[in-house]
Amino acid sequence: MKKILPHICLDMAVIFIVLWVLDRFNGAMQFLSRDVFKIPFLIFLVLVIVESVMLIARQRRKKDR
C-alpha cells in the first residue's frame, strides 16, 4: 500500500487539475460550480502532486541502496 498510494494520489490530482482546467475554459460543464472552492482546491492538488512525487523519489532512493 505504501508504494501504490502516492501513485494513486498523483493520478487523481492530475485528473482533477484537468477537470479544473476544462471547467475554467468551458463554463458549460460546471464541474466545480463555486469560485471560492476552485482556488484552494487547485492549491491542494498541486501540493498533493509535489508530495507524491517527493515520496515516490524517496522510496526509489531507498530501494537503490
C-alpha atoms as a PDB file:
ATOM      1  CA  MET A   1       0.000   0.000   0.000  1.00  0.00           C
ATOM      2  CA  LYS A   2       2.888   2.387   0.724  1.00  0.00           C
ATOM      3  CA  LYS A   3       4.145   2.067  -2.839  1.00  0.00           C
ATOM      4  CA  ILE A   4       0.826   2.419  -4.648  1.00  0.00           C
ATOM      5  CA  LEU A   5      -0.820   5.189  -2.584  1.00  0.00           C
ATOM      6  CA  PRO A   6       1.402   8.057  -3.848  1.00  0.00           C
ATOM      7  CA  HIS A   7       0.790   6.939  -7.429  1.00  0.00           C
ATOM      8  CA  ILE A   8      -2.968   6.887  -6.911  1.00  0.00           C
ATOM      9  CA  CYS A   9      -2.862  10.349  -5.289  1.00  0.00           C
ATOM     10  CA  LEU A  10      -0.752  11.669  -8.146  1.00  0.00           C
ATOM     11  CA  ASP A  11      -3.128  10.259 -10.768  1.00  0.00           C
ATOM     12  CA  MET A  12      -6.221  11.608  -9.031  1.00  0.00           C
ATOM     13  CA  ALA A  13      -4.674  15.054  -8.578  1.00  0.00           C
ATOM     14  CA  VAL A  14      -3.782  15.230 -12.272  1.00  0.00           C
ATOM     15  CA  ILE A  15      -7.318  14.165 -13.224  1.00  0.00           C
ATOM     16  CA  PHE A  16      -8.845  16.874 -11.040  1.00  0.00           C
ATOM     17  CA  ILE A  17      -6.471  19.515 -12.411  1.00  0.00           C
ATOM     18  CA  VAL A  18      -7.578  18.568 -15.915  1.00  0.00           C
ATOM     19  CA  LEU A  19     -11.212  18.884 -14.804  1.00  0.00           C
ATOM     20  CA  TRP A  20     -10.405  22.273 -13.245  1.00  0.00           C
ATOM     21  CA  VAL A  21      -8.836  23.493 -16.497  1.00  0.00           C
ATOM     22  CA  LEU A  22     -11.780  22.189 -18.533  1.00  0.00           C
ATOM     23  CA  ASP A  23     -14.185  23.932 -16.183  1.00  0.00           C
ATOM     24  CA  ARG A  24     -12.173  27.140 -16.452  1.00  0.00           C
ATOM     25  CA  PHE A  25     -12.286  27.251 -20.266  1.00  0.00           C
ATOM     26  CA  ASN A  26     -15.669  25.647 -20.815  1.00  0.00           C
ATOM     27  CA  GLY A  27     -18.147  27.168 -18.379  1.00  0.00           C
ATOM     28  CA  ALA A  28     -20.985  24.974 -19.622  1.00  0.00           C
ATOM     29  CA  MET A  29     -19.582  21.860 -17.941  1.00  0.00           C
ATOM     30  CA  GLN A  30     -19.552  23.327 -14.425  1.00  0.00           C
ATOM     31  CA  PHE A  31     -17.671  20.521 -12.724  1.00  0.00           C
ATOM     32  CA  LEU A  32     -16.778  22.972 -10.000  1.00  0.00           C
ATOM     33  CA  SER A  33     -19.551  25.463  -9.504  1.00  0.00           C
ATOM     34  CA  ARG A  34     -18.222  27.784  -6.784  1.00  0.00           C
ATOM     35  CA  ASP A  35     -15.279  30.110  -7.399  1.00  0.00           C
ATOM     36  CA  VAL A  36     -14.483  30.177  -3.676  1.00  0.00           C
ATOM     37  CA  PHE A  37     -13.815  26.443  -3.855  1.00  0.00           C
ATOM     38  CA  LYS A  38     -11.711  26.394  -7.025  1.00  0.00           C
ATOM     39  CA  ILE A  39      -8.514  28.163  -5.912  1.00  0.00           C
ATOM     40  CA  PRO A  40      -7.982  26.297  -2.585  1.00  0.00           C
ATOM     41  CA  PHE A  41      -8.778  23.065  -4.401  1.00  0.00           C
ATOM     42  CA  LEU A  42      -6.158  23.793  -7.061  1.00  0.00           C
ATOM     43  CA  ILE A  43      -3.577  24.635  -4.389  1.00  0.00           C
ATOM     44  CA  PHE A  44      -4.379  21.376  -2.610  1.00  0.00           C
ATOM     45  CA  LEU A  45      -3.982  19.389  -5.828  1.00  0.00           C
ATOM     46  CA  VAL A  46      -0.615  20.958  -6.610  1.00  0.00           C
ATOM     47  CA  LEU A  47       0.570  20.156  -3.076  1.00  0.00           C
ATOM     48  CA  VAL A  48      -0.614  16.557  -3.444  1.00  0.00           C
ATOM     49  CA  ILE A  49       1.353  16.231  -6.677  1.00  0.00           C
ATOM     50  CA  VAL A  50       4.505  17.679  -5.103  1.00  0.00           C
ATOM     51  CA  GLU A  51       4.199  15.460  -2.036  1.00  0.00           C
ATOM     52  CA  SER A  52       3.516  12.342  -4.121  1.00  0.00           C
ATOM     53  CA  VAL A  53       6.499  12.945  -6.395  1.00  0.00           C
ATOM     54  CA  MET A  54       8.755  13.528  -3.376  1.00  0.00           C
ATOM     55  CA  LEU A  55       7.545  10.327  -1.702  1.00  0.00           C
ATOM     56  CA  ILE A  56       7.995   8.274  -4.873  1.00  0.00           C
ATOM     57  CA  ALA A  57      11.534   9.640  -5.291  1.00  0.00           C
ATOM     58  CA  ARG A  58      12.351   8.891  -1.649  1.00  0.00           C
ATOM     59  CA  GLN A  59      11.061   5.324  -2.000  1.00  0.00           C
ATOM     60  CA  ARG A  60      13.152   4.777  -5.136  1.00  0.00           C
ATOM     61  CA  ARG A  61      16.295   6.105  -3.421  1.00  0.00           C
ATOM     62  CA  LYS A  62      15.722   3.722  -0.508  1.00  0.00           C
ATOM     63  CA  LYS A  63      15.239   0.824  -2.926  1.00  0.00           C
ATOM     64  CA  ASP A  64      18.515   1.600  -4.749  1.00  0.00           C
ATOM     65  CA  ARG A  65      20.575   1.426  -1.543  1.00  0.00           C
END
